[in-house]
């Protein structure tokens, strides 16, 4: 795998709260990608009116000097000697980032957990019934055993994360429009299967992924935070544990025409999906066997079009 880190073994995220001026170029990049994001959201709203509320949420945030949107509420909450990252209207929704290996002032947006409907029971339709994708539409495809599943980027822009199982193997497909980062990951950690969601925050480091903002994920089992450009968890009980890309021969960054031609039996992620957020998620006890589960190397997602 090829990433944009200076150290492919462990990208050098900075200690929390250590500040450093962002380069002026970042403002221009963010303005461009924000325009792309809003255009994509407009298309998605037209196709799926249910996403309208998400678009309104983003547009009603106040714009900062750096070109991203910020909330007027405090981002970091000090409580009983812990640092909590705002995650929603109730205390239970905040993330414990006391041990975070990132700079809090580089966290952007702050829409909160579950603002994006990261799917946990995705529905699919047969390829022959798909009439809303152009031949050039970008997709992530997974081919395992007799199953081929397709995750269109247009839909992933809304969900950002789709937890799924293909040929009995737990995976998740993810795409961040700001960083143009799309990849498919293995959800297994040791003997446990993690379920991933979206924190509503993005994060950037100048020397990682060209300095672009990229989504910060969380797992609903331990509430650890994960940053895909670094390929690992950056806060919480699993801090330092590595994300594991699905083997490159099992998934591709490709187009709808390529997949449809090669696999007419493919199943495609259905549009218009959402789900009722549970009040609480299962609390997984983090044992040494889980937090120290071996993963060989740090695996960084390939740039779009760079995976075989």
Protein backbone atom coordinates (compact mmCIF):
# COMPACT_ATOMS: atom_id res chain seq x y z
CA UNK A 1 0.00 0.00 0.00
CA UNK A 2 1.13 3.56 -0.66
CA UNK A 3 0.17 6.42 1.66
CA UNK A 4 1.21 10.00 2.03
CA UNK A 5 2.91 9.62 5.37
CA UNK A 6 6.49 10.45 6.13
CA UNK A 7 6.78 7.23 8.14
CA UNK A 8 4.69 4.38 6.67
CA UNK A 9 5.08 2.38 9.89
CA UNK A 10 3.41 4.91 12.17
CA UNK A 11 2.46 8.39 10.94
CA UNK A 12 3.66 11.08 13.35
CA UNK A 13 0.48 12.49 14.82
CA UNK A 14 1.23 15.29 17.24
CA UNK A 15 0.48 15.43 20.97
CA UNK A 16 -2.93 16.84 21.88
CA UNK A 17 -3.35 20.62 22.02
CA UNK A 18 0.01 21.33 20.42
CA UNK A 19 -0.71 24.06 17.89
CA UNK A 20 0.86 24.84 14.56
CA UNK A 21 -0.33 27.37 11.95
CA UNK A 22 -2.03 25.71 9.00
CA UNK A 23 -0.47 26.62 5.62
CA UNK A 24 -2.33 29.19 3.54
CA UNK A 25 -2.72 26.59 0.78
CA UNK A 26 -5.05 24.65 3.04
CA UNK A 27 -7.66 27.43 2.89
CA UNK A 28 -7.79 27.23 -0.89
CA UNK A 29 -7.99 23.43 -0.85
CA UNK A 30 -10.81 23.45 1.70
CA UNK A 31 -12.81 26.01 -0.31
CA UNK A 32 -12.53 23.80 -3.40
CA UNK A 33 -13.42 20.54 -1.66
CA UNK A 34 -16.24 22.23 0.23
CA UNK A 35 -17.72 23.32 -3.09
CA UNK A 36 -17.46 19.76 -4.36
CA UNK A 37 -19.05 18.44 -1.18
CA UNK A 38 -22.00 20.81 -1.40
CA UNK A 39 -22.51 20.04 -5.08
CA UNK A 40 -22.52 16.33 -4.29
CA UNK A 41 -24.97 16.90 -1.44
CA UNK A 42 -27.28 18.80 -3.80
CA UNK A 43 -27.27 15.87 -6.21
CA UNK A 44 -27.88 13.46 -3.33
CA UNK A 45 -30.78 15.56 -2.02
CA UNK A 46 -32.37 15.47 -5.46
CA UNK A 47 -32.03 11.68 -5.58
CA UNK A 48 -32.82 11.12 -1.92
CA UNK A 49 -34.95 13.79 -0.16
CA UNK A 50 -34.21 12.10 3.17
CA UNK A 51 -30.71 13.55 3.07
CA UNK A 52 -32.08 17.12 3.00
CA UNK A 53 -31.83 17.47 6.77
CA UNK A 54 -28.13 16.59 6.65
CA UNK A 55 -27.50 19.27 4.02
CA UNK A 56 -29.35 21.85 6.13
CA UNK A 57 -27.30 20.83 9.20
CA UNK A 58 -24.07 21.49 7.37
CA UNK A 59 -25.22 24.75 5.80
CA UNK A 60 -26.41 26.21 9.10
CA UNK A 61 -23.04 25.78 10.80
CA UNK A 62 -21.01 29.00 11.07
CA UNK A 63 -17.99 29.33 8.80
CA UNK A 64 -14.55 29.80 10.36
CA UNK A 65 -11.62 31.77 9.01
CA UNK A 66 -10.05 28.55 7.74
CA UNK A 67 -13.02 27.78 5.50
CA UNK A 68 -14.47 24.93 7.57
CA UNK A 69 -17.62 25.00 9.67
CA UNK A 70 -17.50 25.10 13.46
CA UNK A 71 -20.05 24.97 16.24
CA UNK A 72 -20.44 27.74 18.78
CA UNK A 73 -20.43 25.14 21.56
CA UNK A 74 -17.12 24.08 23.20
CA UNK A 75 -15.37 21.33 21.28
CA UNK A 76 -13.48 19.95 24.28
CA UNK A 77 -15.22 19.51 27.62
CA UNK A 78 -13.19 19.09 30.81
CA UNK A 79 -14.92 16.70 33.18
CA UNK A 80 -13.52 14.89 36.24
CA UNK A 81 -9.99 15.11 34.94
CA UNK A 82 -10.94 13.82 31.49
CA UNK A 83 -11.06 15.58 28.14
CA UNK A 84 -14.29 14.85 26.27
CA UNK A 85 -14.91 15.64 22.61
CA UNK A 86 -18.45 16.91 22.03
CA UNK A 87 -20.44 14.17 20.31
CA UNK A 88 -24.07 15.12 20.75
CA UNK A 89 -26.70 16.76 22.96
CA UNK A 90 -26.28 14.33 25.90
CA UNK A 91 -23.20 13.59 27.98
CA UNK A 92 -23.29 9.94 26.95
CA UNK A 93 -22.58 10.94 23.36
CA UNK A 94 -19.24 12.61 24.04
CA UNK A 95 -15.95 10.86 23.24
CA UNK A 96 -13.22 10.45 25.84
CA UNK A 97 -10.13 11.87 24.14
CA UNK A 98 -7.92 12.23 27.20
CA UNK A 99 -5.26 10.06 25.57
CA UNK A 100 -5.73 11.41 22.03
CA UNK A 101 -2.69 11.50 19.74
CA UNK A 102 -3.97 14.39 17.66
CA UNK A 103 -4.27 18.16 17.89
CA UNK A 104 -7.70 19.25 19.02
CA UNK A 105 -7.43 22.53 17.10
CA UNK A 106 -7.20 20.54 13.86
CA UNK A 107 -10.59 18.89 14.39
CA UNK A 108 -13.25 20.46 12.18
CA UNK A 109 -17.06 20.48 11.67
CA UNK A 110 -18.31 18.81 14.87
CA UNK A 111 -21.70 17.59 13.63
CA UNK A 112 -21.71 14.85 16.27
CA UNK A 113 -22.03 11.09 16.15
CA UNK A 114 -24.77 9.59 13.98
CA UNK A 115 -25.21 12.80 11.93
CA UNK A 116 -24.30 10.62 8.96
CA UNK A 117 -26.34 7.39 8.70
CA UNK A 118 -23.48 4.88 8.78
CA UNK A 119 -25.33 1.71 7.87
CA UNK A 120 -25.35 -1.44 9.97
CA UNK A 121 -27.83 -3.55 8.00
CA UNK A 122 -27.39 -2.34 4.41
CA UNK A 123 -29.88 -3.28 1.72
CA UNK A 124 -28.91 -4.12 -1.87
CA UNK A 125 -30.57 -4.40 -5.26
CA UNK A 126 -29.70 -6.49 -8.30
CA UNK A 127 -27.38 -4.86 -10.83
CA UNK A 128 -29.97 -5.33 -13.58
CA UNK A 129 -32.39 -3.04 -11.72
CA UNK A 130 -29.92 -0.20 -11.29
CA UNK A 131 -30.79 2.71 -13.57
CA UNK A 132 -29.48 5.63 -11.53
CA UNK A 133 -25.73 5.09 -12.04
CA UNK A 134 -23.89 6.41 -15.07
CA UNK A 135 -21.27 4.10 -16.63
CA UNK A 136 -18.52 6.39 -15.31
CA UNK A 137 -19.89 6.53 -11.76
CA UNK A 138 -17.18 5.70 -9.25
CA UNK A 139 -17.77 2.71 -6.99
CA UNK A 140 -16.04 0.49 -4.46
CA UNK A 141 -16.56 -3.17 -5.30
CA UNK A 142 -15.92 -6.25 -3.21
CA UNK A 143 -15.64 -9.75 -4.70
CA UNK A 144 -15.44 -12.69 -2.30
CA UNK A 145 -16.52 -16.23 -3.08
CA UNK A 146 -19.65 -16.04 -5.21
CA UNK A 147 -20.63 -12.61 -3.91
CA UNK A 148 -19.96 -9.26 -5.57
CA UNK A 149 -21.16 -6.14 -3.78
CA UNK A 150 -20.98 -2.60 -5.07
CA UNK A 151 -20.89 0.61 -3.00
CA UNK A 152 -21.40 3.69 -5.22
CA UNK A 153 -19.41 6.74 -4.15
CA UNK A 154 -22.54 8.90 -4.62
CA UNK A 155 -24.22 6.95 -1.82
CA UNK A 156 -21.11 6.63 0.31
CA UNK A 157 -20.89 10.42 0.32
CA UNK A 158 -24.06 10.40 2.40
CA UNK A 159 -23.35 7.36 4.59
CA UNK A 160 -19.53 7.62 4.70
CA UNK A 161 -19.44 4.15 6.31
CA UNK A 162 -21.33 0.98 5.41
CA UNK A 163 -20.87 -1.97 7.77
CA UNK A 164 -21.48 -5.19 5.89
CA UNK A 165 -20.71 -8.90 5.63
CA UNK A 166 -19.55 -10.41 2.34
CA UNK A 167 -19.25 -14.17 1.95
CA UNK A 168 -19.40 -14.46 5.74
CA UNK A 169 -16.61 -11.93 6.34
CA UNK A 170 -17.30 -8.66 8.24
CA UNK A 171 -16.08 -5.60 6.31
CA UNK A 172 -16.85 -1.93 6.02
CA UNK A 173 -16.74 0.30 2.96
CA UNK A 174 -15.88 3.94 3.58
CA UNK A 175 -15.53 7.12 1.56
CA UNK A 176 -14.61 10.68 2.56
CA UNK A 177 -15.39 13.31 -0.08
CA UNK A 178 -13.07 15.96 1.42
CA UNK A 179 -10.00 13.74 1.11
CA UNK A 180 -11.30 11.64 -1.81
CA UNK A 181 -10.40 8.64 0.34
CA UNK A 182 -12.26 5.43 -0.45
CA UNK A 183 -11.38 2.00 0.86
CA UNK A 184 -12.72 -1.30 2.18
CA UNK A 185 -11.59 -2.53 5.59
CA UNK A 186 -11.73 -5.73 7.63
CA UNK A 187 -13.89 -5.28 10.75
CA UNK A 188 -12.37 -8.16 12.69
CA UNK A 189 -10.08 -7.34 15.59
CA UNK A 190 -8.89 -10.52 17.25
CA UNK A 191 -12.03 -12.57 17.85
CA UNK A 192 -14.34 -9.58 17.88
CA UNK A 193 -16.17 -7.80 15.06
CA UNK A 194 -16.23 -4.02 15.40
CA UNK A 195 -19.03 -1.80 14.08
CA UNK A 196 -17.92 1.58 12.76
CA UNK A 197 -19.64 4.95 12.60
CA UNK A 198 -18.85 8.58 11.82
CA UNK A 199 -17.96 11.06 14.58
CA UNK A 200 -19.05 14.09 12.55
CA UNK A 201 -15.51 15.48 12.76
CA UNK A 202 -12.71 15.73 10.23
CA UNK A 203 -9.00 16.06 10.98
CA UNK A 204 -5.89 17.10 9.08
CA UNK A 205 -2.11 16.96 9.43
CA UNK A 206 0.14 18.81 7.02
CA UNK A 207 2.41 15.84 6.32
CA UNK A 208 -0.34 13.22 5.98
CA UNK A 209 -2.62 12.71 2.97
CA UNK A 210 -1.48 15.99 1.39
CA UNK A 211 -2.79 17.90 4.39
CA UNK A 212 -6.44 17.35 3.43
CA UNK A 213 -9.20 17.01 5.98
CA UNK A 214 -10.48 13.46 6.31
CA UNK A 215 -13.24 11.94 8.41
CA UNK A 216 -12.68 10.68 11.92
CA UNK A 217 -14.49 7.42 12.59
CA UNK A 218 -15.42 5.68 15.82
CA UNK A 219 -16.22 2.11 16.68
CA UNK A 220 -19.50 1.61 18.49
CA UNK A 221 -18.06 -1.16 20.64
CA UNK A 222 -15.27 0.64 22.53
CA UNK A 223 -15.92 4.26 21.40
CA UNK A 224 -12.34 4.56 20.21
CA UNK A 225 -11.67 7.13 17.47
CA UNK A 226 -9.99 6.10 14.20
CA UNK A 227 -8.38 8.25 11.52
CA UNK A 228 -8.02 6.37 8.20
CA UNK A 229 -5.20 8.52 6.71
CA UNK A 230 -3.04 7.40 9.62
CA UNK A 231 -4.37 3.85 9.44
CA UNK A 232 -5.02 3.54 13.16
CA UNK A 233 -7.00 4.51 16.24
CA UNK A 234 -6.09 7.93 17.64
CA UNK A 235 -8.03 7.99 20.93
CA UNK A 236 -9.86 5.71 23.32
CA UNK A 237 -9.34 2.16 24.61
CA UNK A 238 -7.94 0.95 21.26
CA UNK A 239 -5.63 3.93 20.76
CA UNK A 240 -2.73 2.86 18.54
CA UNK A 241 -4.45 -0.24 17.19
CA UNK A 242 -4.22 -0.46 13.39
CA UNK A 243 -7.02 -0.35 10.85
CA UNK A 244 -6.81 -3.37 8.59
CA UNK A 245 -7.46 -2.95 4.89
CA UNK A 246 -9.20 -5.81 3.15
CA UNK A 247 -6.74 -7.69 0.94
CA UNK A 248 -6.29 -5.75 -2.29
CA UNK A 249 -7.21 -8.70 -4.49
CA UNK A 250 -10.71 -8.69 -2.94
CA UNK A 251 -11.77 -5.09 -3.58
CA UNK A 252 -11.33 -2.30 -6.11
CA UNK A 253 -11.76 1.42 -6.63
CA UNK A 254 -13.40 1.33 -10.03
CA UNK A 255 -16.41 2.42 -12.10
CA UNK A 256 -19.93 1.07 -12.46
CA UNK A 257 -19.40 0.12 -16.10
CA UNK A 258 -16.36 -2.04 -15.26
CA UNK A 259 -18.17 -3.91 -12.48
CA UNK A 260 -21.43 -4.31 -14.39
CA UNK A 261 -19.60 -5.74 -17.42
CA UNK A 262 -17.52 -8.19 -15.41
CA UNK A 263 -20.14 -9.13 -12.80
CA UNK A 264 -23.74 -8.80 -14.05
CA UNK A 265 -24.84 -10.73 -10.96
CA UNK A 266 -23.51 -8.02 -8.61
CA UNK A 267 -25.61 -6.54 -5.83
CA UNK A 268 -25.60 -2.75 -5.47
CA UNK A 269 -26.14 -0.68 -2.34
CA UNK A 270 -29.70 0.64 -2.45
CA UNK A 271 -30.35 4.41 -2.24
CA UNK A 272 -32.51 6.15 0.35
CA UNK A 273 -31.46 4.08 3.36
CA UNK A 274 -31.44 5.18 6.97
CA UNK A 275 -31.96 3.53 10.32
CA UNK A 276 -33.21 4.36 13.79
CA UNK A 277 -30.29 5.14 16.04
CA UNK A 278 -30.34 3.05 19.22
CA UNK A 279 -30.22 4.94 22.51
CA UNK A 280 -27.11 3.01 23.54
CA UNK A 281 -24.59 0.73 21.89
CA UNK A 282 -23.10 -2.46 23.39
CA UNK A 283 -20.17 -1.66 25.67
CA UNK A 284 -17.33 -4.01 24.80
CA UNK A 285 -14.89 -4.69 27.61
CA UNK A 286 -11.42 -4.01 26.25
CA UNK A 287 -9.11 -6.80 27.36
CA UNK A 288 -5.37 -6.99 26.64
CA UNK A 289 -6.16 -9.68 24.07
CA UNK A 290 -8.31 -7.18 22.18
CA UNK A 291 -6.27 -4.00 22.55
CA UNK A 292 -3.04 -5.85 21.73
CA UNK A 293 -4.48 -7.96 18.90
CA UNK A 294 -1.65 -8.31 16.37
CA UNK A 295 -1.89 -6.55 13.03
CA UNK A 296 1.02 -6.70 10.61
CA UNK A 297 2.06 -3.18 9.69
CA UNK A 298 0.09 0.04 9.36
CA UNK A 299 -2.12 -0.13 6.29
CA UNK A 300 -2.93 3.14 4.56
CA UNK A 301 -5.67 3.31 1.95
CA UNK A 302 -4.45 3.72 -1.63
CA UNK A 303 -5.20 6.93 -3.49
CA UNK A 304 -8.19 6.59 -5.78
CA UNK A 305 -7.29 4.44 -8.79
CA UNK A 306 -4.02 3.21 -7.28
CA UNK A 307 -5.18 -0.16 -5.99
CA UNK A 308 -4.83 -3.05 -8.45
